[in-house]
Amino acid sequence: MPDTSTLALFSVASLALLIVPGPAVLYIVTRSIDQGRTAGIVSTLGIHVGTLVHIAAAALGLSALVVSSALAFNTIKYLGAAYLIWLGVGKLLGRDDDVNESEVKTQRLSRIFYQGILVNILNPKTALFFLAFLPQFVDVSKWRVGLQILALGVVFMLLGMCSDGLYAMVASSAGNCLRGNAHFAHFRRYFSGGIFVTLGVAAALSGSRSTLE
């Protein structure tokens, strides 16, 4: 394990990055407002299962391959953007008024979980984070670099679950109030669908591999 001072510094730096809303946070907030606390927590779990994939890839050196290849990077980038837009369009066009509410909730929770995984896996910015930020806390003179990356990645994931979980709780509380508003209830589908489409467009138009947001 990295020493205590390294872990403490890494944790503080990670929290500073995590509290700034990005695509994953906006995904969680949207789900929380739209469908409540349980959906927000499930989306958080899905996002960080996707983080586990990036941690494993970074530890194995696969992230370096993606970032070094413009074709691989752009393929993942545009797949992720297309997936977010697809979610948004599906939400905008979807109608579930005639479906049993409990069945919709159960199906949606499972979909939310897997969608969260895909949203984070198809986010090349996460791979850039593990290459541009995390290696600054790795000491190649002590023990295996891959294991250090794995340990720091798990710390980052746990901190992310805490911060994202807080976003989910706050957003779901706000959503409880908003869902009681007749005007918001009418436009909720357009609100959440619009967020997903906006995220997808923003991802597609985001900067090059040299940009870490």
N, C-alpha and C. Protein backbone atom coordinates (compact mmCIF):
# COMPACT_ATOMS: atom_id res chain seq x y z
N MET A 1 0.83 -1.21 0.00
CA MET A 1 0.00 0.00 0.00
C MET A 1 0.87 1.26 0.00
N PRO A 2 0.40 2.34 -0.64
CA PRO A 2 1.10 3.62 -0.55
C PRO A 2 1.14 4.08 0.91
N ASP A 3 2.12 4.90 1.25
CA ASP A 3 2.21 5.33 2.64
C ASP A 3 1.07 6.29 2.99
N THR A 4 0.95 6.56 4.31
CA THR A 4 -0.18 7.34 4.82
C THR A 4 -0.23 8.74 4.24
N SER A 5 0.91 9.41 4.15
CA SER A 5 0.94 10.77 3.62
C SER A 5 0.51 10.82 2.16
N THR A 6 0.95 9.82 1.39
CA THR A 6 0.57 9.76 -0.02
C THR A 6 -0.94 9.54 -0.16
N LEU A 7 -1.48 8.62 0.63
CA LEU A 7 -2.92 8.35 0.60
C LEU A 7 -3.72 9.59 0.99
N ALA A 8 -3.25 10.29 2.01
CA ALA A 8 -3.97 11.48 2.48
C ALA A 8 -3.98 12.55 1.39
N LEU A 9 -2.82 12.80 0.78
CA LEU A 9 -2.74 13.80 -0.28
C LEU A 9 -3.58 13.40 -1.48
N PHE A 10 -3.51 12.12 -1.86
CA PHE A 10 -4.29 11.63 -2.98
C PHE A 10 -5.78 11.77 -2.70
N SER A 11 -6.20 11.47 -1.48
CA SER A 11 -7.62 11.56 -1.12
C SER A 11 -8.13 12.98 -1.20
N VAL A 12 -7.34 13.94 -0.69
CA VAL A 12 -7.75 15.34 -0.74
C VAL A 12 -7.84 15.82 -2.18
N ALA A 13 -6.84 15.47 -3.00
CA ALA A 13 -6.85 15.88 -4.40
C ALA A 13 -8.00 15.23 -5.16
N SER A 14 -8.27 13.97 -4.86
CA SER A 14 -9.37 13.26 -5.52
C SER A 14 -10.72 13.89 -5.18
N LEU A 15 -10.92 14.20 -3.90
CA LEU A 15 -12.17 14.82 -3.48
C LEU A 15 -12.37 16.17 -4.16
N ALA A 16 -11.29 16.91 -4.33
CA ALA A 16 -11.39 18.21 -5.00
C ALA A 16 -11.88 18.04 -6.43
N LEU A 17 -11.45 16.96 -7.08
CA LEU A 17 -11.89 16.68 -8.45
C LEU A 17 -13.30 16.11 -8.48
N LEU A 18 -13.62 15.25 -7.53
CA LEU A 18 -14.90 14.54 -7.53
C LEU A 18 -16.09 15.45 -7.27
N ILE A 19 -15.89 16.50 -6.45
CA ILE A 19 -17.02 17.35 -6.11
C ILE A 19 -17.42 18.27 -7.26
N VAL A 20 -16.55 18.40 -8.26
CA VAL A 20 -16.89 19.20 -9.44
C VAL A 20 -17.78 18.37 -10.36
N PRO A 21 -19.02 18.80 -10.63
CA PRO A 21 -19.93 17.99 -11.44
C PRO A 21 -19.41 17.73 -12.84
N GLY A 22 -19.47 16.48 -13.26
CA GLY A 22 -19.12 16.07 -14.61
C GLY A 22 -20.23 15.21 -15.16
N PRO A 23 -20.01 14.52 -16.29
CA PRO A 23 -21.05 13.69 -16.89
C PRO A 23 -21.62 12.64 -15.94
N ALA A 24 -20.76 11.97 -15.15
CA ALA A 24 -21.25 10.93 -14.24
C ALA A 24 -22.16 11.54 -13.17
N VAL A 25 -21.75 12.67 -12.61
CA VAL A 25 -22.56 13.33 -11.58
C VAL A 25 -23.89 13.79 -12.16
N LEU A 26 -23.85 14.37 -13.36
CA LEU A 26 -25.09 14.84 -13.98
C LEU A 26 -26.02 13.67 -14.30
N TYR A 27 -25.45 12.52 -14.68
CA TYR A 27 -26.26 11.33 -14.91
C TYR A 27 -26.95 10.92 -13.62
N ILE A 28 -26.21 10.88 -12.51
CA ILE A 28 -26.76 10.48 -11.22
C ILE A 28 -27.82 11.47 -10.74
N VAL A 29 -27.53 12.76 -10.87
CA VAL A 29 -28.48 13.78 -10.44
C VAL A 29 -29.77 13.69 -11.25
N THR A 30 -29.64 13.49 -12.55
CA THR A 30 -30.83 13.39 -13.41
C THR A 30 -31.68 12.20 -13.01
N ARG A 31 -31.05 11.04 -12.81
CA ARG A 31 -31.79 9.86 -12.40
C ARG A 31 -32.44 10.06 -11.03
N SER A 32 -31.74 10.73 -10.13
CA SER A 32 -32.26 10.94 -8.77
C SER A 32 -33.48 11.86 -8.78
N ILE A 33 -33.39 12.95 -9.55
CA ILE A 33 -34.51 13.88 -9.64
C ILE A 33 -35.69 13.22 -10.34
N ASP A 34 -35.39 12.47 -11.38
CA ASP A 34 -36.44 11.89 -12.21
C ASP A 34 -37.16 10.75 -11.50
N GLN A 35 -36.41 9.90 -10.76
CA GLN A 35 -37.01 8.67 -10.25
C GLN A 35 -36.79 8.42 -8.76
N GLY A 36 -36.10 9.29 -8.06
CA GLY A 36 -36.01 9.15 -6.62
C GLY A 36 -34.68 8.61 -6.12
N ARG A 37 -34.63 8.46 -4.79
CA ARG A 37 -33.39 8.11 -4.11
C ARG A 37 -32.85 6.74 -4.52
N THR A 38 -33.73 5.74 -4.62
CA THR A 38 -33.26 4.40 -4.96
C THR A 38 -32.60 4.39 -6.33
N ALA A 39 -33.23 5.07 -7.29
CA ALA A 39 -32.65 5.15 -8.64
C ALA A 39 -31.31 5.87 -8.61
N GLY A 40 -31.20 6.91 -7.77
CA GLY A 40 -29.94 7.63 -7.66
C GLY A 40 -28.83 6.76 -7.10
N ILE A 41 -29.14 5.97 -6.07
CA ILE A 41 -28.13 5.08 -5.48
C ILE A 41 -27.74 3.99 -6.47
N VAL A 42 -28.72 3.44 -7.17
CA VAL A 42 -28.43 2.39 -8.16
C VAL A 42 -27.57 2.95 -9.29
N SER A 43 -27.86 4.17 -9.73
CA SER A 43 -27.04 4.78 -10.79
C SER A 43 -25.62 5.02 -10.30
N THR A 44 -25.47 5.38 -9.02
CA THR A 44 -24.14 5.57 -8.44
C THR A 44 -23.36 4.26 -8.44
N LEU A 45 -24.02 3.18 -8.06
CA LEU A 45 -23.36 1.87 -8.06
C LEU A 45 -22.94 1.48 -9.47
N GLY A 46 -23.82 1.73 -10.44
CA GLY A 46 -23.48 1.41 -11.82
C GLY A 46 -22.28 2.20 -12.32
N ILE A 47 -22.27 3.50 -12.02
CA ILE A 47 -21.15 4.35 -12.43
C ILE A 47 -19.83 3.80 -11.89
N HIS A 48 -19.83 3.34 -10.65
CA HIS A 48 -18.57 2.94 -10.05
C HIS A 48 -18.20 1.48 -10.33
N VAL A 49 -19.13 0.70 -10.81
CA VAL A 49 -18.72 -0.57 -11.41
C VAL A 49 -17.97 -0.27 -12.70
N GLY A 50 -18.43 0.75 -13.44
CA GLY A 50 -17.70 1.21 -14.61
C GLY A 50 -16.32 1.73 -14.24
N THR A 51 -16.21 2.40 -13.08
CA THR A 51 -14.91 2.86 -12.60
C THR A 51 -13.97 1.69 -12.35
N LEU A 52 -14.51 0.59 -11.82
CA LEU A 52 -13.69 -0.61 -11.60
C LEU A 52 -13.07 -1.11 -12.89
N VAL A 53 -13.82 -1.01 -13.98
CA VAL A 53 -13.29 -1.44 -15.28
C VAL A 53 -12.10 -0.56 -15.67
N HIS A 54 -12.23 0.74 -15.45
CA HIS A 54 -11.13 1.65 -15.77
C HIS A 54 -9.93 1.42 -14.86
N ILE A 55 -10.18 1.10 -13.60
CA ILE A 55 -9.09 0.81 -12.67
C ILE A 55 -8.30 -0.40 -13.15
N ALA A 56 -9.03 -1.46 -13.50
CA ALA A 56 -8.37 -2.68 -13.98
C ALA A 56 -7.60 -2.40 -15.27
N ALA A 57 -8.20 -1.61 -16.17
CA ALA A 57 -7.54 -1.29 -17.43
C ALA A 57 -6.26 -0.49 -17.19
N ALA A 58 -6.33 0.47 -16.25
CA ALA A 58 -5.15 1.27 -15.95
C ALA A 58 -4.05 0.41 -15.34
N ALA A 59 -4.43 -0.48 -14.43
CA ALA A 59 -3.45 -1.35 -13.79
C ALA A 59 -2.77 -2.28 -14.79
N LEU A 60 -3.52 -2.69 -15.82
CA LEU A 60 -2.98 -3.58 -16.84
C LEU A 60 -2.30 -2.83 -17.98
N GLY A 61 -2.41 -1.50 -17.98
CA GLY A 61 -1.78 -0.70 -19.02
C GLY A 61 -2.63 -0.48 -20.25
N LEU A 62 -3.91 -0.91 -20.21
CA LEU A 62 -4.76 -0.77 -21.39
C LEU A 62 -5.15 0.69 -21.62
N SER A 63 -5.27 1.47 -20.53
CA SER A 63 -5.64 2.87 -20.69
C SER A 63 -4.58 3.61 -21.50
N ALA A 64 -3.32 3.28 -21.28
CA ALA A 64 -2.25 3.92 -22.03
C ALA A 64 -2.40 3.64 -23.52
N LEU A 65 -2.82 2.42 -23.85
CA LEU A 65 -3.02 2.06 -25.25
C LEU A 65 -4.13 2.88 -25.87
N VAL A 66 -5.24 3.06 -25.13
CA VAL A 66 -6.37 3.83 -25.63
C VAL A 66 -5.98 5.28 -25.85
N VAL A 67 -5.29 5.87 -24.86
CA VAL A 67 -4.94 7.27 -24.95
C VAL A 67 -3.90 7.52 -26.04
N SER A 68 -3.03 6.54 -26.27
CA SER A 68 -1.98 6.72 -27.27
C SER A 68 -2.50 6.54 -28.69
N SER A 69 -3.68 5.94 -28.83
CA SER A 69 -4.26 5.71 -30.15
C SER A 69 -5.42 6.67 -30.38
N ALA A 70 -5.26 7.56 -31.36
CA ALA A 70 -6.32 8.51 -31.67
C ALA A 70 -7.59 7.78 -32.10
N LEU A 71 -7.44 6.72 -32.88
CA LEU A 71 -8.60 5.98 -33.37
C LEU A 71 -9.35 5.33 -32.21
N ALA A 72 -8.63 4.67 -31.31
CA ALA A 72 -9.27 4.02 -30.17
C ALA A 72 -9.95 5.04 -29.27
N PHE A 73 -9.25 6.14 -29.01
CA PHE A 73 -9.80 7.18 -28.14
C PHE A 73 -11.09 7.76 -28.73
N ASN A 74 -11.04 8.13 -30.01
CA ASN A 74 -12.21 8.74 -30.63
C ASN A 74 -13.36 7.76 -30.78
N THR A 75 -13.03 6.48 -31.00
CA THR A 75 -14.09 5.46 -31.09
C THR A 75 -14.85 5.39 -29.78
N ILE A 76 -14.13 5.32 -28.66
CA ILE A 76 -14.78 5.26 -27.35
C ILE A 76 -15.54 6.56 -27.07
N LYS A 77 -14.91 7.67 -27.42
CA LYS A 77 -15.53 8.98 -27.19
C LYS A 77 -16.88 9.09 -27.89
N TYR A 78 -16.92 8.73 -29.18
CA TYR A 78 -18.16 8.90 -29.93
C TYR A 78 -19.19 7.81 -29.61
N LEU A 79 -18.73 6.63 -29.23
CA LEU A 79 -19.67 5.61 -28.77
C LEU A 79 -20.36 6.08 -27.49
N GLY A 80 -19.57 6.65 -26.58
CA GLY A 80 -20.15 7.16 -25.35
C GLY A 80 -21.13 8.29 -25.61
N ALA A 81 -20.76 9.21 -26.49
CA ALA A 81 -21.65 10.33 -26.82
C ALA A 81 -22.94 9.82 -27.46
N ALA A 82 -22.81 8.86 -28.38
CA ALA A 82 -23.98 8.31 -29.05
C ALA A 82 -24.90 7.59 -28.07
N TYR A 83 -24.29 6.90 -27.09
CA TYR A 83 -25.09 6.19 -26.10
C TYR A 83 -25.90 7.16 -25.24
N LEU A 84 -25.27 8.25 -24.81
CA LEU A 84 -25.99 9.25 -24.01
C LEU A 84 -27.13 9.88 -24.81
N ILE A 85 -26.86 10.20 -26.08
CA ILE A 85 -27.91 10.78 -26.92
C ILE A 85 -29.04 9.79 -27.13
N TRP A 86 -28.68 8.51 -27.30
CA TRP A 86 -29.70 7.46 -27.47
C TRP A 86 -30.58 7.37 -26.23
N LEU A 87 -29.99 7.45 -25.05
CA LEU A 87 -30.77 7.42 -23.80
C LEU A 87 -31.72 8.62 -23.76
N GLY A 88 -31.20 9.79 -24.13
CA GLY A 88 -32.02 10.99 -24.08
C GLY A 88 -33.17 10.97 -25.06
N VAL A 89 -32.90 10.54 -26.29
CA VAL A 89 -33.96 10.47 -27.30
C VAL A 89 -35.02 9.45 -26.89
N GLY A 90 -34.55 8.30 -26.33
CA GLY A 90 -35.49 7.30 -25.85
C GLY A 90 -36.39 7.85 -24.76
N LYS A 91 -35.82 8.66 -23.88
CA LYS A 91 -36.61 9.27 -22.81
C LYS A 91 -37.59 10.29 -23.37
N LEU A 92 -37.13 11.09 -24.32
CA LEU A 92 -37.99 12.11 -24.90
C LEU A 92 -39.18 11.51 -25.65
N LEU A 93 -38.92 10.40 -26.32
CA LEU A 93 -39.97 9.79 -27.15
C LEU A 93 -40.79 8.74 -26.41
N GLY A 94 -40.27 8.27 -25.28
CA GLY A 94 -40.92 7.17 -24.57
C GLY A 94 -42.19 7.58 -23.86
N ARG A 95 -43.09 6.61 -23.76
CA ARG A 95 -44.34 6.81 -23.01
C ARG A 95 -44.59 5.54 -22.20
N ASP A 96 -44.69 5.70 -20.89
CA ASP A 96 -44.94 4.53 -20.05
C ASP A 96 -46.15 4.76 -19.14
N ASP A 97 -47.04 5.67 -19.55
CA ASP A 97 -48.20 5.99 -18.72
C ASP A 97 -49.12 4.79 -18.50
N ASP A 98 -49.16 3.86 -19.48
CA ASP A 98 -50.09 2.76 -19.40
C ASP A 98 -49.46 1.50 -18.81
N VAL A 99 -48.22 1.58 -18.35
CA VAL A 99 -47.53 0.43 -17.80
C VAL A 99 -47.64 0.45 -16.29
N ASN A 100 -47.76 -0.73 -15.68
CA ASN A 100 -47.83 -0.83 -14.23
C ASN A 100 -46.62 -0.16 -13.59
N GLU A 101 -46.86 0.74 -12.62
CA GLU A 101 -45.78 1.56 -12.06
C GLU A 101 -44.71 0.72 -11.39
N SER A 102 -45.08 -0.33 -10.65
CA SER A 102 -44.09 -1.15 -9.96
C SER A 102 -43.22 -1.90 -10.94
N GLU A 103 -43.79 -2.36 -12.06
CA GLU A 103 -43.01 -3.06 -13.07
C GLU A 103 -42.02 -2.11 -13.73
N VAL A 104 -42.48 -0.87 -14.00
CA VAL A 104 -41.59 0.11 -14.60
C VAL A 104 -40.41 0.38 -13.69
N LYS A 105 -40.68 0.51 -12.38
CA LYS A 105 -39.62 0.81 -11.43
C LYS A 105 -38.58 -0.31 -11.38
N THR A 106 -39.07 -1.57 -11.34
CA THR A 106 -38.14 -2.69 -11.28
C THR A 106 -37.29 -2.76 -12.54
N GLN A 107 -37.92 -2.65 -13.69
CA GLN A 107 -37.18 -2.71 -14.95
C GLN A 107 -36.21 -1.54 -15.05
N ARG A 108 -36.66 -0.39 -14.66
CA ARG A 108 -35.81 0.79 -14.77
C ARG A 108 -34.59 0.69 -13.86
N LEU A 109 -34.76 0.16 -12.68
CA LEU A 109 -33.62 0.06 -11.78
C LEU A 109 -32.53 -0.83 -12.37
N SER A 110 -32.92 -1.93 -12.98
CA SER A 110 -31.92 -2.80 -13.59
C SER A 110 -31.27 -2.11 -14.79
N ARG A 111 -32.08 -1.40 -15.57
CA ARG A 111 -31.53 -0.67 -16.71
C ARG A 111 -30.63 0.48 -16.27
N ILE A 112 -31.06 1.17 -15.22
CA ILE A 112 -30.26 2.29 -14.70
C ILE A 112 -28.87 1.81 -14.29
N PHE A 113 -28.82 0.65 -13.64
CA PHE A 113 -27.54 0.11 -13.18
C PHE A 113 -26.61 -0.16 -14.36
N TYR A 114 -27.12 -0.87 -15.37
CA TYR A 114 -26.28 -1.20 -16.52
C TYR A 114 -25.97 0.02 -17.37
N GLN A 115 -26.92 0.96 -17.43
CA GLN A 115 -26.64 2.19 -18.16
C GLN A 115 -25.53 2.99 -17.49
N GLY A 116 -25.55 3.00 -16.15
CA GLY A 116 -24.49 3.69 -15.41
C GLY A 116 -23.12 3.09 -15.71
N ILE A 117 -23.06 1.76 -15.77
CA ILE A 117 -21.80 1.09 -16.10
C ILE A 117 -21.31 1.54 -17.47
N LEU A 118 -22.20 1.50 -18.46
CA LEU A 118 -21.82 1.86 -19.82
C LEU A 118 -21.44 3.34 -19.94
N VAL A 119 -22.20 4.20 -19.24
CA VAL A 119 -21.88 5.63 -19.29
C VAL A 119 -20.45 5.88 -18.85
N ASN A 120 -20.00 5.19 -17.80
CA ASN A 120 -18.65 5.43 -17.30
C ASN A 120 -17.58 4.68 -18.09
N ILE A 121 -17.92 3.48 -18.57
CA ILE A 121 -16.95 2.75 -19.39
C ILE A 121 -16.68 3.51 -20.69
N LEU A 122 -17.74 4.05 -21.28
CA LEU A 122 -17.61 4.77 -22.55
C LEU A 122 -17.25 6.24 -22.34
N ASN A 123 -16.45 6.49 -21.33
CA ASN A 123 -16.00 7.85 -21.03
C ASN A 123 -14.48 7.89 -21.03
N PRO A 124 -13.86 8.27 -22.14
CA PRO A 124 -12.39 8.27 -22.22
C PRO A 124 -11.74 9.24 -21.25
N LYS A 125 -12.49 10.21 -20.75
CA LYS A 125 -11.95 11.14 -19.77
C LYS A 125 -11.52 10.40 -18.50
N THR A 126 -12.24 9.33 -18.17
CA THR A 126 -11.88 8.57 -16.98
C THR A 126 -10.53 7.90 -17.17
N ALA A 127 -10.30 7.35 -18.37
CA ALA A 127 -8.99 6.76 -18.65
C ALA A 127 -7.90 7.81 -18.59
N LEU A 128 -8.19 9.03 -19.08
CA LEU A 128 -7.22 10.11 -19.02
C LEU A 128 -6.91 10.48 -17.56
N PHE A 129 -7.91 10.41 -16.71
CA PHE A 129 -7.68 10.71 -15.29
C PHE A 129 -6.66 9.75 -14.71
N PHE A 130 -6.83 8.47 -15.00
CA PHE A 130 -5.93 7.48 -14.42
C PHE A 130 -4.52 7.56 -14.99
N LEU A 131 -4.37 8.22 -16.13
CA LEU A 131 -3.02 8.38 -16.69
C LEU A 131 -2.38 9.72 -16.34
N ALA A 132 -3.18 10.78 -16.29
CA ALA A 132 -2.62 12.11 -16.08
C ALA A 132 -2.54 12.51 -14.61
N PHE A 133 -3.42 11.95 -13.79
CA PHE A 133 -3.50 12.38 -12.39
C PHE A 133 -2.97 11.31 -11.43
N LEU A 134 -3.51 10.13 -11.51
CA LEU A 134 -3.14 9.09 -10.55
C LEU A 134 -1.65 8.73 -10.53
N PRO A 135 -0.98 8.64 -11.70
CA PRO A 135 0.44 8.27 -11.67
C PRO A 135 1.33 9.21 -10.88
N GLN A 136 0.87 10.43 -10.62
CA GLN A 136 1.66 11.38 -9.84
C GLN A 136 1.86 10.90 -8.40
N PHE A 137 1.03 9.95 -7.98
CA PHE A 137 1.09 9.45 -6.60
C PHE A 137 1.69 8.05 -6.53
N VAL A 138 2.22 7.57 -7.64
CA VAL A 138 2.83 6.24 -7.70
C VAL A 138 4.33 6.36 -7.52
N ASP A 139 4.87 5.54 -6.63
CA ASP A 139 6.32 5.52 -6.38
C ASP A 139 6.90 4.24 -6.99
N VAL A 140 7.58 4.40 -8.13
CA VAL A 140 8.10 3.23 -8.84
C VAL A 140 9.25 2.55 -8.09
N SER A 141 9.79 3.22 -7.09
CA SER A 141 10.93 2.64 -6.36
C SER A 141 10.49 1.71 -5.23
N LYS A 142 9.19 1.65 -4.93
CA LYS A 142 8.75 0.90 -3.76
C LYS A 142 8.23 -0.49 -4.11
N TRP A 143 7.12 -0.58 -4.78
CA TRP A 143 6.57 -1.89 -5.10
C TRP A 143 5.85 -1.81 -6.43
N ARG A 144 5.27 -2.89 -6.86
CA ARG A 144 4.74 -3.01 -8.21
C ARG A 144 3.77 -1.88 -8.55
N VAL A 145 4.03 -1.23 -9.69
CA VAL A 145 3.25 -0.08 -10.11
C VAL A 145 1.78 -0.46 -10.31
N GLY A 146 1.54 -1.60 -10.93
CA GLY A 146 0.17 -2.03 -11.18
C GLY A 146 -0.64 -2.15 -9.90
N LEU A 147 -0.04 -2.67 -8.85
CA LEU A 147 -0.73 -2.82 -7.58
C LEU A 147 -0.96 -1.46 -6.91
N GLN A 148 -0.01 -0.56 -7.08
CA GLN A 148 -0.20 0.79 -6.54
C GLN A 148 -1.37 1.49 -7.24
N ILE A 149 -1.43 1.36 -8.56
CA ILE A 149 -2.53 1.94 -9.32
C ILE A 149 -3.86 1.34 -8.88
N LEU A 150 -3.87 0.03 -8.68
CA LEU A 150 -5.08 -0.65 -8.24
C LEU A 150 -5.53 -0.13 -6.88
N ALA A 151 -4.58 0.00 -5.94
CA ALA A 151 -4.92 0.46 -4.59
C ALA A 151 -5.45 1.90 -4.62
N LEU A 152 -4.76 2.77 -5.34
CA LEU A 152 -5.20 4.17 -5.42
C LEU A 152 -6.52 4.29 -6.17
N GLY A 153 -6.70 3.44 -7.18
CA GLY A 153 -7.96 3.45 -7.92
C GLY A 153 -9.14 3.06 -7.05
N VAL A 154 -8.95 2.09 -6.18
CA VAL A 154 -10.02 1.67 -5.27
C VAL A 154 -10.34 2.79 -4.28
N VAL A 155 -9.31 3.48 -3.79
CA VAL A 155 -9.53 4.61 -2.90
C VAL A 155 -10.36 5.68 -3.62
N PHE A 156 -9.97 5.97 -4.87
CA PHE A 156 -10.71 6.96 -5.66
C PHE A 156 -12.16 6.53 -5.85
N MET A 157 -12.38 5.26 -6.13
CA MET A 157 -13.73 4.75 -6.35
C MET A 157 -14.57 4.89 -5.08
N LEU A 158 -14.00 4.55 -3.93
CA LEU A 158 -14.75 4.64 -2.68
C LEU A 158 -15.10 6.09 -2.35
N LEU A 159 -14.15 7.00 -2.58
CA LEU A 159 -14.44 8.41 -2.37
C LEU A 159 -15.52 8.89 -3.34
N GLY A 160 -15.44 8.41 -4.58
CA GLY A 160 -16.44 8.77 -5.57
C GLY A 160 -17.83 8.28 -5.20
N MET A 161 -17.91 7.08 -4.65
CA MET A 161 -19.20 6.55 -4.22
C MET A 161 -19.79 7.42 -3.11
N CYS A 162 -18.94 7.91 -2.23
CA CYS A 162 -19.42 8.78 -1.13
C CYS A 162 -19.92 10.11 -1.68
N SER A 163 -19.10 10.76 -2.52
CA SER A 163 -19.50 12.07 -3.05
C SER A 163 -20.70 11.95 -3.99
N ASP A 164 -20.69 10.95 -4.85
CA ASP A 164 -21.82 10.77 -5.77
C ASP A 164 -23.08 10.35 -5.03
N GLY A 165 -22.90 9.54 -3.97
CA GLY A 165 -24.04 9.16 -3.16
C GLY A 165 -24.68 10.37 -2.50
N LEU A 166 -23.85 11.32 -2.08
CA LEU A 166 -24.37 12.56 -1.49
C LEU A 166 -25.15 13.36 -2.53
N TYR A 167 -24.61 13.43 -3.75
CA TYR A 167 -25.34 14.10 -4.83
C TYR A 167 -26.69 13.43 -5.05
N ALA A 168 -26.71 12.10 -5.02
CA ALA A 168 -27.95 11.36 -5.23
C ALA A 168 -28.97 11.67 -4.14
N MET A 169 -28.51 11.74 -2.90
CA MET A 169 -29.42 12.00 -1.78
C MET A 169 -30.02 13.41 -1.89
N VAL A 170 -29.15 14.40 -2.15
CA VAL A 170 -29.62 15.78 -2.25
C VAL A 170 -30.56 15.94 -3.44
N ALA A 171 -30.17 15.37 -4.59
CA ALA A 171 -31.00 15.51 -5.80
C ALA A 171 -32.34 14.81 -5.65
N SER A 172 -32.34 13.65 -4.98
CA SER A 172 -33.61 12.93 -4.80
C SER A 172 -34.54 13.71 -3.87
N SER A 173 -33.98 14.38 -2.86
CA SER A 173 -34.80 15.21 -1.98
C SER A 173 -35.41 16.37 -2.75
N ALA A 174 -34.61 16.98 -3.61
CA ALA A 174 -35.13 18.06 -4.46
C ALA A 174 -36.18 17.51 -5.41
N GLY A 175 -35.91 16.29 -5.92
CA GLY A 175 -36.85 15.67 -6.84
C GLY A 175 -38.19 15.38 -6.20
N ASN A 176 -38.18 15.04 -4.91
CA ASN A 176 -39.44 14.77 -4.21
C ASN A 176 -40.33 16.01 -4.21
N CYS A 177 -39.70 17.17 -4.04
CA CYS A 177 -40.47 18.42 -4.09
C CYS A 177 -40.93 18.73 -5.50
N LEU A 178 -40.02 18.53 -6.45
CA LEU A 178 -40.35 18.86 -7.84
C LEU A 178 -41.43 17.94 -8.39
N ARG A 179 -41.37 16.65 -7.98
CA ARG A 179 -42.37 15.72 -8.50
C ARG A 179 -43.77 16.03 -8.00
N GLY A 180 -43.84 16.80 -6.90
CA GLY A 180 -45.14 17.23 -6.41
C GLY A 180 -45.68 18.44 -7.16
N ASN A 181 -44.85 19.01 -8.01
CA ASN A 181 -45.25 20.15 -8.82
C ASN A 181 -45.85 19.65 -10.13
N ALA A 182 -47.08 20.04 -10.40
CA ALA A 182 -47.77 19.53 -11.59
C ALA A 182 -47.06 19.92 -12.87
N HIS A 183 -46.49 21.10 -12.91
CA HIS A 183 -45.79 21.55 -14.12
C HIS A 183 -44.53 20.72 -14.36
N PHE A 184 -43.79 20.46 -13.28
CA PHE A 184 -42.59 19.65 -13.44
C PHE A 184 -42.94 18.22 -13.83
N ALA A 185 -44.00 17.67 -13.23
CA ALA A 185 -44.41 16.32 -13.57
C ALA A 185 -44.72 16.20 -15.06
N HIS A 186 -45.30 17.25 -15.62
CA HIS A 186 -45.65 17.23 -17.04
C HIS A 186 -44.40 17.28 -17.92
N PHE A 187 -43.39 18.05 -17.49
CA PHE A 187 -42.20 18.23 -18.32
C PHE A 187 -41.01 17.39 -17.86
N ARG A 188 -41.20 16.48 -16.88
CA ARG A 188 -40.09 15.71 -16.34
C ARG A 188 -39.39 14.90 -17.41
N ARG A 189 -40.16 14.28 -18.28
CA ARG A 189 -39.57 13.46 -19.35
C ARG A 189 -38.68 14.30 -20.25
N TYR A 190 -39.12 15.52 -20.57
CA TYR A 190 -38.33 16.39 -21.42
C TYR A 190 -37.09 16.90 -20.69
N PHE A 191 -37.22 17.14 -19.39
CA PHE A 191 -36.09 17.59 -18.59
C PHE A 191 -34.98 16.55 -18.59
N SER A 192 -35.30 15.31 -18.20
CA SER A 192 -34.28 14.27 -18.11
C SER A 192 -33.75 13.89 -19.49
N GLY A 193 -34.63 13.80 -20.48
CA GLY A 193 -34.18 13.48 -21.84
C GLY A 193 -33.27 14.55 -22.39
N GLY A 194 -33.61 15.82 -22.11
CA GLY A 194 -32.78 16.90 -22.58
C GLY A 194 -31.39 16.90 -21.95
N ILE A 195 -31.31 16.51 -20.66
CA ILE A 195 -30.02 16.44 -19.99
C ILE A 195 -29.13 15.40 -20.66
N PHE A 196 -29.69 14.22 -20.96
CA PHE A 196 -28.91 13.15 -21.58
C PHE A 196 -28.43 13.56 -22.97
N VAL A 197 -29.31 14.17 -23.74
CA VAL A 197 -28.91 14.60 -25.09
C VAL A 197 -27.81 15.66 -24.99
N THR A 198 -27.95 16.59 -24.06
CA THR A 198 -26.94 17.64 -23.87
C THR A 198 -25.60 17.03 -23.47
N LEU A 199 -25.63 16.04 -22.57
CA LEU A 199 -24.41 15.37 -22.16
C LEU A 199 -23.74 14.68 -23.36
N GLY A 200 -24.55 14.04 -24.19
CA GLY A 200 -24.00 13.35 -25.35
C GLY A 200 -23.36 14.31 -26.33
N VAL A 201 -24.03 15.43 -26.59
CA VAL A 201 -23.48 16.42 -27.51
C VAL A 201 -22.20 17.02 -26.94
N ALA A 202 -22.22 17.31 -25.63
CA ALA A 202 -21.02 17.87 -24.98
C ALA A 202 -19.85 16.89 -25.06
N ALA A 203 -20.14 15.60 -24.87
CA ALA A 203 -19.09 14.58 -24.96
C ALA A 203 -18.52 14.51 -26.37
N ALA A 204 -19.39 14.59 -27.37
CA ALA A 204 -18.93 14.51 -28.76
C ALA A 204 -18.08 15.72 -29.15
N LEU A 205 -18.39 16.87 -28.55
CA LEU A 205 -17.68 18.10 -28.91
C LEU A 205 -16.54 18.42 -27.95
N SER A 206 -16.28 17.51 -27.00
CA SER A 206 -15.24 17.77 -26.02
C SER A 206 -13.88 17.79 -26.68
N GLY A 207 -12.88 18.24 -25.92
CA GLY A 207 -11.55 18.46 -26.48
C GLY A 207 -10.83 17.19 -26.86
N SER A 208 -9.59 17.35 -27.27
CA SER A 208 -8.75 16.26 -27.74
C SER A 208 -8.23 15.44 -26.59
N ARG A 209 -7.37 14.45 -26.91
CA ARG A 209 -6.81 13.58 -25.89
C ARG A 209 -5.95 14.33 -24.88
N SER A 210 -5.50 15.47 -25.26
CA SER A 210 -4.63 16.23 -24.36
C SER A 210 -5.41 17.00 -23.31
N THR A 211 -6.75 16.97 -23.41
CA THR A 211 -7.58 17.72 -22.49
C THR A 211 -8.18 16.79 -21.46
N LEU A 212 -7.99 17.12 -20.19
CA LEU A 212 -8.58 16.35 -19.11
C LEU A 212 -9.56 17.24 -18.37
N GLU A 213 -10.86 16.86 -18.37
CA GLU A 213 -11.88 17.67 -17.72
C GLU A 213 -12.46 16.88 -16.57
